[in-house]
mmCIF file of all heavy atoms, coordinates in Angstrom:
data_MODEL
# 
_entry.id   MODEL 
# 
loop_
_atom_site.group_PDB 
_atom_site.id 
_atom_site.type_symbol 
_atom_site.label_atom_id 
_atom_site.label_alt_id 
_atom_site.label_comp_id 
_atom_site.label_asym_id 
_atom_site.label_entity_id 
_atom_site.label_seq_id 
_atom_site.pdbx_PDB_ins_code 
_atom_site.Cartn_x 
_atom_site.Cartn_y 
_atom_site.Cartn_z 
_atom_site.occupancy 
_atom_site.B_iso_or_equiv 
_atom_site.pdbx_formal_charge 
_atom_site.auth_seq_id 
_atom_site.auth_comp_id 
_atom_site.auth_asym_id 
_atom_site.auth_atom_id 
_atom_site.pdbx_PDB_model_num 
ATOM 1   N N   . LYS A 1 1  ? -119.707 198.880 110.619 1.00 0.00 ? 1  LYS A N   1 
ATOM 2   C CA  . LYS A 1 1  ? -119.991 198.754 112.051 1.00 0.00 ? 1  LYS A CA  1 
ATOM 3   C C   . LYS A 1 1  ? -121.152 199.652 112.458 1.00 0.00 ? 1  LYS A C   1 
ATOM 4   O O   . LYS A 1 1  ? -122.061 199.236 113.172 1.00 0.00 ? 1  LYS A O   1 
ATOM 5   C CB  . LYS A 1 1  ? -118.753 199.097 112.879 1.00 0.00 ? 1  LYS A CB  1 
ATOM 6   C CG  . LYS A 1 1  ? -117.641 198.088 112.774 1.00 0.00 ? 1  LYS A CG  1 
ATOM 7   C CD  . LYS A 1 1  ? -116.424 198.567 113.544 1.00 0.00 ? 1  LYS A CD  1 
ATOM 8   C CE  . LYS A 1 1  ? -115.230 197.682 113.290 1.00 0.00 ? 1  LYS A CE  1 
ATOM 9   N NZ  . LYS A 1 1  ? -114.011 198.210 113.943 1.00 0.00 ? 1  LYS A NZ  1 
ATOM 10  N N   . GLU A 1 2  ? -121.113 200.908 112.001 1.00 0.00 ? 2  GLU A N   1 
ATOM 11  C CA  . GLU A 1 2  ? -122.185 201.838 112.346 1.00 0.00 ? 2  GLU A CA  1 
ATOM 12  C C   . GLU A 1 2  ? -123.515 201.373 111.775 1.00 0.00 ? 2  GLU A C   1 
ATOM 13  O O   . GLU A 1 2  ? -124.551 201.417 112.449 1.00 0.00 ? 2  GLU A O   1 
ATOM 14  C CB  . GLU A 1 2  ? -121.861 203.238 111.835 1.00 0.00 ? 2  GLU A CB  1 
ATOM 15  C CG  . GLU A 1 2  ? -122.915 204.258 112.200 1.00 0.00 ? 2  GLU A CG  1 
ATOM 16  C CD  . GLU A 1 2  ? -122.605 205.664 111.689 1.00 0.00 ? 2  GLU A CD  1 
ATOM 17  O OE1 . GLU A 1 2  ? -121.568 205.864 111.051 1.00 0.00 ? 2  GLU A OE1 1 
ATOM 18  O OE2 . GLU A 1 2  ? -123.439 206.551 111.944 1.00 0.00 ? 2  GLU A OE2 1 
ATOM 19  N N   . TYR A 1 3  ? -123.509 200.919 110.530 1.00 0.00 ? 3  TYR A N   1 
ATOM 20  C CA  . TYR A 1 3  ? -124.731 200.431 109.884 1.00 0.00 ? 3  TYR A CA  1 
ATOM 21  C C   . TYR A 1 3  ? -125.320 199.248 110.656 1.00 0.00 ? 3  TYR A C   1 
ATOM 22  O O   . TYR A 1 3  ? -126.511 199.231 110.975 1.00 0.00 ? 3  TYR A O   1 
ATOM 23  C CB  . TYR A 1 3  ? -124.420 200.037 108.437 1.00 0.00 ? 3  TYR A CB  1 
ATOM 24  C CG  . TYR A 1 3  ? -125.609 199.485 107.679 1.00 0.00 ? 3  TYR A CG  1 
ATOM 25  C CD1 . TYR A 1 3  ? -126.685 200.297 107.344 1.00 0.00 ? 3  TYR A CD1 1 
ATOM 26  C CD2 . TYR A 1 3  ? -125.654 198.141 107.312 1.00 0.00 ? 3  TYR A CD2 1 
ATOM 27  C CE1 . TYR A 1 3  ? -127.779 199.787 106.658 1.00 0.00 ? 3  TYR A CE1 1 
ATOM 28  C CE2 . TYR A 1 3  ? -126.743 197.637 106.617 1.00 0.00 ? 3  TYR A CE2 1 
ATOM 29  C CZ  . TYR A 1 3  ? -127.797 198.461 106.295 1.00 0.00 ? 3  TYR A CZ  1 
ATOM 30  O OH  . TYR A 1 3  ? -128.874 197.951 105.617 1.00 0.00 ? 3  TYR A OH  1 
ATOM 31  N N   . PHE A 1 4  ? -124.482 198.273 110.980 1.00 0.00 ? 4  PHE A N   1 
ATOM 32  C CA  . PHE A 1 4  ? -124.958 197.093 111.699 1.00 0.00 ? 4  PHE A CA  1 
ATOM 33  C C   . PHE A 1 4  ? -125.423 197.444 113.113 1.00 0.00 ? 4  PHE A C   1 
ATOM 34  O O   . PHE A 1 4  ? -126.431 196.910 113.590 1.00 0.00 ? 4  PHE A O   1 
ATOM 35  C CB  . PHE A 1 4  ? -123.880 196.012 111.743 1.00 0.00 ? 4  PHE A CB  1 
ATOM 36  C CG  . PHE A 1 4  ? -123.603 195.355 110.417 1.00 0.00 ? 4  PHE A CG  1 
ATOM 37  C CD1 . PHE A 1 4  ? -122.375 194.769 110.163 1.00 0.00 ? 4  PHE A CD1 1 
ATOM 38  C CD2 . PHE A 1 4  ? -124.548 195.300 109.405 1.00 0.00 ? 4  PHE A CD2 1 
ATOM 39  C CE1 . PHE A 1 4  ? -122.105 194.139 108.953 1.00 0.00 ? 4  PHE A CE1 1 
ATOM 40  C CE2 . PHE A 1 4  ? -124.308 194.694 108.190 1.00 0.00 ? 4  PHE A CE2 1 
ATOM 41  C CZ  . PHE A 1 4  ? -123.067 194.106 107.966 1.00 0.00 ? 4  PHE A CZ  1 
ATOM 42  N N   . LEU A 1 5  ? -124.718 198.347 113.770 1.00 0.00 ? 5  LEU A N   1 
ATOM 43  C CA  . LEU A 1 5  ? -125.133 198.771 115.107 1.00 0.00 ? 5  LEU A CA  1 
ATOM 44  C C   . LEU A 1 5  ? -126.509 199.427 115.056 1.00 0.00 ? 5  LEU A C   1 
ATOM 45  O O   . LEU A 1 5  ? -127.375 199.145 115.890 1.00 0.00 ? 5  LEU A O   1 
ATOM 46  C CB  . LEU A 1 5  ? -124.104 199.734 115.709 1.00 0.00 ? 5  LEU A CB  1 
ATOM 47  C CG  . LEU A 1 5  ? -124.461 200.364 117.051 1.00 0.00 ? 5  LEU A CG  1 
ATOM 48  C CD1 . LEU A 1 5  ? -124.780 199.331 118.111 1.00 0.00 ? 5  LEU A CD1 1 
ATOM 49  C CD2 . LEU A 1 5  ? -123.329 201.272 117.511 1.00 0.00 ? 5  LEU A CD2 1 
ATOM 50  N N   . ASN A 1 6  ? -126.726 200.281 114.070 1.00 0.00 ? 6  ASN A N   1 
ATOM 51  C CA  . ASN A 1 6  ? -128.041 200.905 113.928 1.00 0.00 ? 6  ASN A CA  1 
ATOM 52  C C   . ASN A 1 6  ? -129.119 199.867 113.661 1.00 0.00 ? 6  ASN A C   1 
ATOM 53  O O   . ASN A 1 6  ? -130.251 200.010 114.127 1.00 0.00 ? 6  ASN A O   1 
ATOM 54  C CB  . ASN A 1 6  ? -128.020 201.963 112.823 1.00 0.00 ? 6  ASN A CB  1 
ATOM 55  C CG  . ASN A 1 6  ? -127.298 203.219 113.260 1.00 0.00 ? 6  ASN A CG  1 
ATOM 56  O OD1 . ASN A 1 6  ? -127.234 203.535 114.440 1.00 0.00 ? 6  ASN A OD1 1 
ATOM 57  N ND2 . ASN A 1 6  ? -126.724 203.924 112.308 1.00 0.00 ? 6  ASN A ND2 1 
ATOM 58  N N   . LEU A 1 7  ? -128.782 198.821 112.914 1.00 0.00 ? 7  LEU A N   1 
ATOM 59  C CA  . LEU A 1 7  ? -129.762 197.766 112.656 1.00 0.00 ? 7  LEU A CA  1 
ATOM 60  C C   . LEU A 1 7  ? -130.104 196.980 113.917 1.00 0.00 ? 7  LEU A C   1 
ATOM 61  O O   . LEU A 1 7  ? -131.246 196.557 114.092 1.00 0.00 ? 7  LEU A O   1 
ATOM 62  C CB  . LEU A 1 7  ? -129.273 196.824 111.559 1.00 0.00 ? 7  LEU A CB  1 
ATOM 63  C CG  . LEU A 1 7  ? -129.403 197.379 110.149 1.00 0.00 ? 7  LEU A CG  1 
ATOM 64  C CD1 . LEU A 1 7  ? -128.792 196.421 109.142 1.00 0.00 ? 7  LEU A CD1 1 
ATOM 65  C CD2 . LEU A 1 7  ? -130.858 197.667 109.799 1.00 0.00 ? 7  LEU A CD2 1 
ATOM 66  N N   . VAL A 1 8  ? -129.145 196.773 114.805 1.00 0.00 ? 8  VAL A N   1 
ATOM 67  C CA  . VAL A 1 8  ? -129.458 196.087 116.070 1.00 0.00 ? 8  VAL A CA  1 
ATOM 68  C C   . VAL A 1 8  ? -130.493 196.895 116.842 1.00 0.00 ? 8  VAL A C   1 
ATOM 69  O O   . VAL A 1 8  ? -131.408 196.341 117.441 1.00 0.00 ? 8  VAL A O   1 
ATOM 70  C CB  . VAL A 1 8  ? -128.188 195.855 116.925 1.00 0.00 ? 8  VAL A CB  1 
ATOM 71  C CG1 . VAL A 1 8  ? -128.550 195.351 118.314 1.00 0.00 ? 8  VAL A CG1 1 
ATOM 72  C CG2 . VAL A 1 8  ? -127.257 194.871 116.238 1.00 0.00 ? 8  VAL A CG2 1 
ATOM 73  N N   . THR A 1 9  ? -130.367 198.205 116.796 1.00 0.00 ? 9  THR A N   1 
ATOM 74  C CA  . THR A 1 9  ? -131.330 199.075 117.468 1.00 0.00 ? 9  THR A CA  1 
ATOM 75  C C   . THR A 1 9  ? -132.683 199.030 116.778 1.00 0.00 ? 9  THR A C   1 
ATOM 76  O O   . THR A 1 9  ? -133.726 198.989 117.426 1.00 0.00 ? 9  THR A O   1 
ATOM 77  C CB  . THR A 1 9  ? -130.793 200.527 117.497 1.00 0.00 ? 9  THR A CB  1 
ATOM 78  O OG1 . THR A 1 9  ? -129.518 200.513 118.132 1.00 0.00 ? 9  THR A OG1 1 
ATOM 79  C CG2 . THR A 1 9  ? -131.720 201.444 118.247 1.00 0.00 ? 9  THR A CG2 1 
ATOM 80  N N   . THR A 1 10 ? -132.674 198.997 115.443 1.00 0.00 ? 10 THR A N   1 
ATOM 81  C CA  . THR A 1 10 ? -133.899 199.065 114.646 1.00 0.00 ? 10 THR A CA  1 
ATOM 82  C C   . THR A 1 10 ? -134.652 197.742 114.575 1.00 0.00 ? 10 THR A C   1 
ATOM 83  O O   . THR A 1 10 ? -135.873 197.707 114.717 1.00 0.00 ? 10 THR A O   1 
ATOM 84  C CB  . THR A 1 10 ? -133.562 199.515 113.206 1.00 0.00 ? 10 THR A CB  1 
ATOM 85  O OG1 . THR A 1 10 ? -132.890 200.761 113.266 1.00 0.00 ? 10 THR A OG1 1 
ATOM 86  C CG2 . THR A 1 10 ? -134.805 199.640 112.361 1.00 0.00 ? 10 THR A CG2 1 
ATOM 87  N N   . LEU A 1 11 ? -133.928 196.671 114.320 1.00 0.00 ? 11 LEU A N   1 
ATOM 88  C CA  . LEU A 1 11 ? -134.573 195.366 114.158 1.00 0.00 ? 11 LEU A CA  1 
ATOM 89  C C   . LEU A 1 11 ? -135.135 194.868 115.487 1.00 0.00 ? 11 LEU A C   1 
ATOM 90  O O   . LEU A 1 11 ? -134.642 195.231 116.558 1.00 0.00 ? 11 LEU A O   1 
ATOM 91  C CB  . LEU A 1 11 ? -133.578 194.342 113.605 1.00 0.00 ? 11 LEU A CB  1 
ATOM 92  C CG  . LEU A 1 11 ? -133.059 194.597 112.197 1.00 0.00 ? 11 LEU A CG  1 
ATOM 93  C CD1 . LEU A 1 11 ? -131.981 193.569 111.836 1.00 0.00 ? 11 LEU A CD1 1 
ATOM 94  C CD2 . LEU A 1 11 ? -134.179 194.570 111.175 1.00 0.00 ? 11 LEU A CD2 1 
ATOM 95  N N   . SER A 1 12 ? -136.128 194.013 115.392 1.00 0.00 ? 12 SER A N   1 
ATOM 96  C CA  . SER A 1 12 ? -136.702 193.422 116.601 1.00 0.00 ? 12 SER A CA  1 
ATOM 97  C C   . SER A 1 12 ? -135.883 192.200 117.022 1.00 0.00 ? 12 SER A C   1 
ATOM 98  O O   . SER A 1 12 ? -135.061 191.692 116.254 1.00 0.00 ? 12 SER A O   1 
ATOM 99  C CB  . SER A 1 12 ? -138.147 192.996 116.328 1.00 0.00 ? 12 SER A CB  1 
ATOM 100 O OG  . SER A 1 12 ? -138.163 191.897 115.426 1.00 0.00 ? 12 SER A OG  1 
ATOM 101 N N   . VAL A 1 13 ? -136.145 191.745 118.216 1.00 0.00 ? 13 VAL A N   1 
ATOM 102 C CA  . VAL A 1 13 ? -135.524 190.505 118.694 1.00 0.00 ? 13 VAL A CA  1 
ATOM 103 C C   . VAL A 1 13 ? -135.878 189.364 117.749 1.00 0.00 ? 13 VAL A C   1 
ATOM 104 O O   . VAL A 1 13 ? -135.045 188.508 117.443 1.00 0.00 ? 13 VAL A O   1 
ATOM 105 C CB  . VAL A 1 13 ? -135.972 190.200 120.144 1.00 0.00 ? 13 VAL A CB  1 
ATOM 106 C CG1 . VAL A 1 13 ? -135.586 188.793 120.558 1.00 0.00 ? 13 VAL A CG1 1 
ATOM 107 C CG2 . VAL A 1 13 ? -135.389 191.234 121.101 1.00 0.00 ? 13 VAL A CG2 1 
ATOM 108 N N   . LEU A 1 14 ? -137.101 189.360 117.252 1.00 0.00 ? 14 LEU A N   1 
ATOM 109 C CA  . LEU A 1 14 ? -137.540 188.311 116.330 1.00 0.00 ? 14 LEU A CA  1 
ATOM 110 C C   . LEU A 1 14 ? -136.660 188.269 115.086 1.00 0.00 ? 14 LEU A C   1 
ATOM 111 O O   . LEU A 1 14 ? -136.250 187.194 114.643 1.00 0.00 ? 14 LEU A O   1 
ATOM 112 C CB  . LEU A 1 14 ? -139.006 188.512 115.940 1.00 0.00 ? 14 LEU A CB  1 
ATOM 113 C CG  . LEU A 1 14 ? -139.585 187.529 114.930 1.00 0.00 ? 14 LEU A CG  1 
ATOM 114 C CD1 . LEU A 1 14 ? -139.507 186.093 115.456 1.00 0.00 ? 14 LEU A CD1 1 
ATOM 115 C CD2 . LEU A 1 14 ? -141.020 187.902 114.596 1.00 0.00 ? 14 LEU A CD2 1 
ATOM 116 N N   . HIS A 1 15 ? -136.343 189.415 114.511 1.00 0.00 ? 15 HIS A N   1 
ATOM 117 C CA  . HIS A 1 15 ? -135.463 189.457 113.341 1.00 0.00 ? 15 HIS A CA  1 
ATOM 118 C C   . HIS A 1 15 ? -134.121 188.793 113.652 1.00 0.00 ? 15 HIS A C   1 
ATOM 119 O O   . HIS A 1 15 ? -133.608 187.991 112.876 1.00 0.00 ? 15 HIS A O   1 
ATOM 120 C CB  . HIS A 1 15 ? -135.190 190.903 112.906 1.00 0.00 ? 15 HIS A CB  1 
ATOM 121 C CG  . HIS A 1 15 ? -136.348 191.590 112.292 1.00 0.00 ? 15 HIS A CG  1 
ATOM 122 N ND1 . HIS A 1 15 ? -137.093 192.523 112.979 1.00 0.00 ? 15 HIS A ND1 1 
ATOM 123 C CD2 . HIS A 1 15 ? -136.887 191.513 111.052 1.00 0.00 ? 15 HIS A CD2 1 
ATOM 124 C CE1 . HIS A 1 15 ? -138.041 192.989 112.184 1.00 0.00 ? 15 HIS A CE1 1 
ATOM 125 N NE2 . HIS A 1 15 ? -137.940 192.387 111.005 1.00 0.00 ? 15 HIS A NE2 1 
ATOM 126 N N   . ILE A 1 16 ? -133.549 189.154 114.795 1.00 0.00 ? 16 ILE A N   1 
ATOM 127 C CA  . ILE A 1 16 ? -132.237 188.628 115.177 1.00 0.00 ? 16 ILE A CA  1 
ATOM 128 C C   . ILE A 1 16 ? -132.322 187.128 115.433 1.00 0.00 ? 16 ILE A C   1 
ATOM 129 O O   . ILE A 1 16 ? -131.445 186.365 115.027 1.00 0.00 ? 16 ILE A O   1 
ATOM 130 C CB  . ILE A 1 16 ? -131.680 189.396 116.397 1.00 0.00 ? 16 ILE A CB  1 
ATOM 131 C CG1 . ILE A 1 16 ? -131.466 190.876 116.013 1.00 0.00 ? 16 ILE A CG1 1 
ATOM 132 C CG2 . ILE A 1 16 ? -130.383 188.775 116.896 1.00 0.00 ? 16 ILE A CG2 1 
ATOM 133 C CD1 . ILE A 1 16 ? -131.174 191.800 117.179 1.00 0.00 ? 16 ILE A CD1 1 
ATOM 134 N N   . GLN A 1 17 ? -133.414 186.680 116.075 1.00 0.00 ? 17 GLN A N   1 
ATOM 135 C CA  . GLN A 1 17 ? -133.593 185.242 116.323 1.00 0.00 ? 17 GLN A CA  1 
ATOM 136 C C   . GLN A 1 17 ? -133.682 184.465 115.010 1.00 0.00 ? 17 GLN A C   1 
ATOM 137 O O   . GLN A 1 17 ? -133.057 183.415 114.870 1.00 0.00 ? 17 GLN A O   1 
ATOM 138 C CB  . GLN A 1 17 ? -134.858 184.992 117.139 1.00 0.00 ? 17 GLN A CB  1 
ATOM 139 C CG  . GLN A 1 17 ? -134.744 185.387 118.580 1.00 0.00 ? 17 GLN A CG  1 
ATOM 140 C CD  . GLN A 1 17 ? -136.077 185.230 119.297 1.00 0.00 ? 17 GLN A CD  1 
ATOM 141 O OE1 . GLN A 1 17 ? -137.120 185.665 118.802 1.00 0.00 ? 17 GLN A OE1 1 
ATOM 142 N NE2 . GLN A 1 17 ? -136.032 184.604 120.459 1.00 0.00 ? 17 GLN A NE2 1 
ATOM 143 N N   . ILE A 1 18 ? -134.457 184.959 114.071 1.00 0.00 ? 18 ILE A N   1 
ATOM 144 C CA  . ILE A 1 18 ? -134.603 184.279 112.779 1.00 0.00 ? 18 ILE A CA  1 
ATOM 145 C C   . ILE A 1 18 ? -133.247 184.166 112.102 1.00 0.00 ? 18 ILE A C   1 
ATOM 146 O O   . ILE A 1 18 ? -132.858 183.096 111.623 1.00 0.00 ? 18 ILE A O   1 
ATOM 147 C CB  . ILE A 1 18 ? -135.606 185.023 111.865 1.00 0.00 ? 18 ILE A CB  1 
ATOM 148 C CG1 . ILE A 1 18 ? -137.033 184.881 112.400 1.00 0.00 ? 18 ILE A CG1 1 
ATOM 149 C CG2 . ILE A 1 18 ? -135.522 184.505 110.428 1.00 0.00 ? 18 ILE A CG2 1 
ATOM 150 C CD1 . ILE A 1 18 ? -138.058 185.775 111.709 1.00 0.00 ? 18 ILE A CD1 1 
ATOM 151 N N   . LEU A 1 19 ? -132.516 185.252 112.079 1.00 0.00 ? 19 LEU A N   1 
ATOM 152 C CA  . LEU A 1 19 ? -131.226 185.254 111.399 1.00 0.00 ? 19 LEU A CA  1 
ATOM 153 C C   . LEU A 1 19 ? -130.218 184.347 112.102 1.00 0.00 ? 19 LEU A C   1 
ATOM 154 O O   . LEU A 1 19 ? -129.483 183.602 111.446 1.00 0.00 ? 19 LEU A O   1 
ATOM 155 C CB  . LEU A 1 19 ? -130.698 186.686 111.299 1.00 0.00 ? 19 LEU A CB  1 
ATOM 156 C CG  . LEU A 1 19 ? -129.601 186.930 110.285 1.00 0.00 ? 19 LEU A CG  1 
ATOM 157 C CD1 . LEU A 1 19 ? -129.996 186.454 108.893 1.00 0.00 ? 19 LEU A CD1 1 
ATOM 158 C CD2 . LEU A 1 19 ? -129.246 188.405 110.239 1.00 0.00 ? 19 LEU A CD2 1 
ATOM 159 N N   . LYS A 1 20 ? -130.198 184.371 113.428 1.00 0.00 ? 20 LYS A N   1 
ATOM 160 C CA  . LYS A 1 20 ? -129.287 183.482 114.165 1.00 0.00 ? 20 LYS A CA  1 
ATOM 161 C C   . LYS A 1 20 ? -129.643 182.014 113.922 1.00 0.00 ? 20 LYS A C   1 
ATOM 162 O O   . LYS A 1 20 ? -128.768 181.183 113.745 1.00 0.00 ? 20 LYS A O   1 
ATOM 163 C CB  . LYS A 1 20 ? -129.311 183.794 115.667 1.00 0.00 ? 20 LYS A CB  1 
ATOM 164 C CG  . LYS A 1 20 ? -128.509 185.004 116.026 1.00 0.00 ? 20 LYS A CG  1 
ATOM 165 C CD  . LYS A 1 20 ? -128.388 185.179 117.527 1.00 0.00 ? 20 LYS A CD  1 
ATOM 166 C CE  . LYS A 1 20 ? -127.440 186.329 117.818 1.00 0.00 ? 20 LYS A CE  1 
ATOM 167 N NZ  . LYS A 1 20 ? -127.042 186.395 119.209 1.00 0.00 ? 20 LYS A NZ  1 
ATOM 168 N N   . PHE A 1 21 ? -130.931 181.715 113.925 1.00 0.00 ? 21 PHE A N   1 
ATOM 169 C CA  . PHE A 1 21 ? -131.376 180.345 113.671 1.00 0.00 ? 21 PHE A CA  1 
ATOM 170 C C   . PHE A 1 21 ? -130.951 179.897 112.277 1.00 0.00 ? 21 PHE A C   1 
ATOM 171 O O   . PHE A 1 21 ? -130.426 178.809 112.096 1.00 0.00 ? 21 PHE A O   1 
ATOM 172 C CB  . PHE A 1 21 ? -132.889 180.229 113.837 1.00 0.00 ? 21 PHE A CB  1 
ATOM 173 C CG  . PHE A 1 21 ? -133.467 178.905 113.417 1.00 0.00 ? 21 PHE A CG  1 
ATOM 174 C CD1 . PHE A 1 21 ? -133.011 177.718 113.970 1.00 0.00 ? 21 PHE A CD1 1 
ATOM 175 C CD2 . PHE A 1 21 ? -134.482 178.847 112.478 1.00 0.00 ? 21 PHE A CD2 1 
ATOM 176 C CE1 . PHE A 1 21 ? -133.548 176.495 113.575 1.00 0.00 ? 21 PHE A CE1 1 
ATOM 177 C CE2 . PHE A 1 21 ? -135.029 177.636 112.082 1.00 0.00 ? 21 PHE A CE2 1 
ATOM 178 C CZ  . PHE A 1 21 ? -134.549 176.456 112.640 1.00 0.00 ? 21 PHE A CZ  1 
ATOM 179 N N   . MET A 1 22 ? -131.151 180.756 111.298 1.00 0.00 ? 22 MET A N   1 
ATOM 180 C CA  . MET A 1 22 ? -130.826 180.382 109.930 1.00 0.00 ? 22 MET A CA  1 
ATOM 181 C C   . MET A 1 22 ? -129.315 180.299 109.689 1.00 0.00 ? 22 MET A C   1 
ATOM 182 O O   . MET A 1 22 ? -128.853 179.468 108.929 1.00 0.00 ? 22 MET A O   1 
ATOM 183 C CB  . MET A 1 22 ? -131.467 181.361 108.955 1.00 0.00 ? 22 MET A CB  1 
ATOM 184 C CG  . MET A 1 22 ? -132.986 181.237 108.957 1.00 0.00 ? 22 MET A CG  1 
ATOM 185 S SD  . MET A 1 22 ? -133.758 182.280 107.741 1.00 0.00 ? 22 MET A SD  1 
ATOM 186 C CE  . MET A 1 22 ? -133.211 181.493 106.230 1.00 0.00 ? 22 MET A CE  1 
ATOM 187 N N   . ALA A 1 23 ? -128.548 181.158 110.337 1.00 0.00 ? 23 ALA A N   1 
ATOM 188 C CA  . ALA A 1 23 ? -127.094 181.170 110.137 1.00 0.00 ? 23 ALA A CA  1 
ATOM 189 C C   . ALA A 1 23 ? -126.402 180.014 110.857 1.00 0.00 ? 23 ALA A C   1 
ATOM 190 O O   . ALA A 1 23 ? -125.470 179.421 110.325 1.00 0.00 ? 23 ALA A O   1 
ATOM 191 C CB  . ALA A 1 23 ? -126.513 182.502 110.608 1.00 0.00 ? 23 ALA A CB  1 
ATOM 192 N N   . HIS A 1 24 ? -126.861 179.716 112.065 1.00 0.00 ? 24 HIS A N   1 
ATOM 193 C CA  . HIS A 1 24 ? -126.231 178.672 112.883 1.00 0.00 ? 24 HIS A CA  1 
ATOM 194 C C   . HIS A 1 24 ? -127.315 177.847 113.580 1.00 0.00 ? 24 HIS A C   1 
ATOM 195 O O   . HIS A 1 24 ? -127.497 177.936 114.794 1.00 0.00 ? 24 HIS A O   1 
ATOM 196 C CB  . HIS A 1 24 ? -125.305 179.303 113.926 1.00 0.00 ? 24 HIS A CB  1 
ATOM 197 C CG  . HIS A 1 24 ? -124.271 180.210 113.350 1.00 0.00 ? 24 HIS A CG  1 
ATOM 198 N ND1 . HIS A 1 24 ? -123.222 179.751 112.589 1.00 0.00 ? 24 HIS A ND1 1 
ATOM 199 C CD2 . HIS A 1 24 ? -124.132 181.561 113.397 1.00 0.00 ? 24 HIS A CD2 1 
ATOM 200 C CE1 . HIS A 1 24 ? -122.478 180.765 112.207 1.00 0.00 ? 24 HIS A CE1 1 
ATOM 201 N NE2 . HIS A 1 24 ? -123.016 181.879 112.681 1.00 0.00 ? 24 HIS A NE2 1 
# 
């Protein structure tokens, strides 16, 4: 949980968008 939370802070919106698009 801590690792993933830190990644939400670190990663850009673009990273999250790419991953969400690819996952679902």
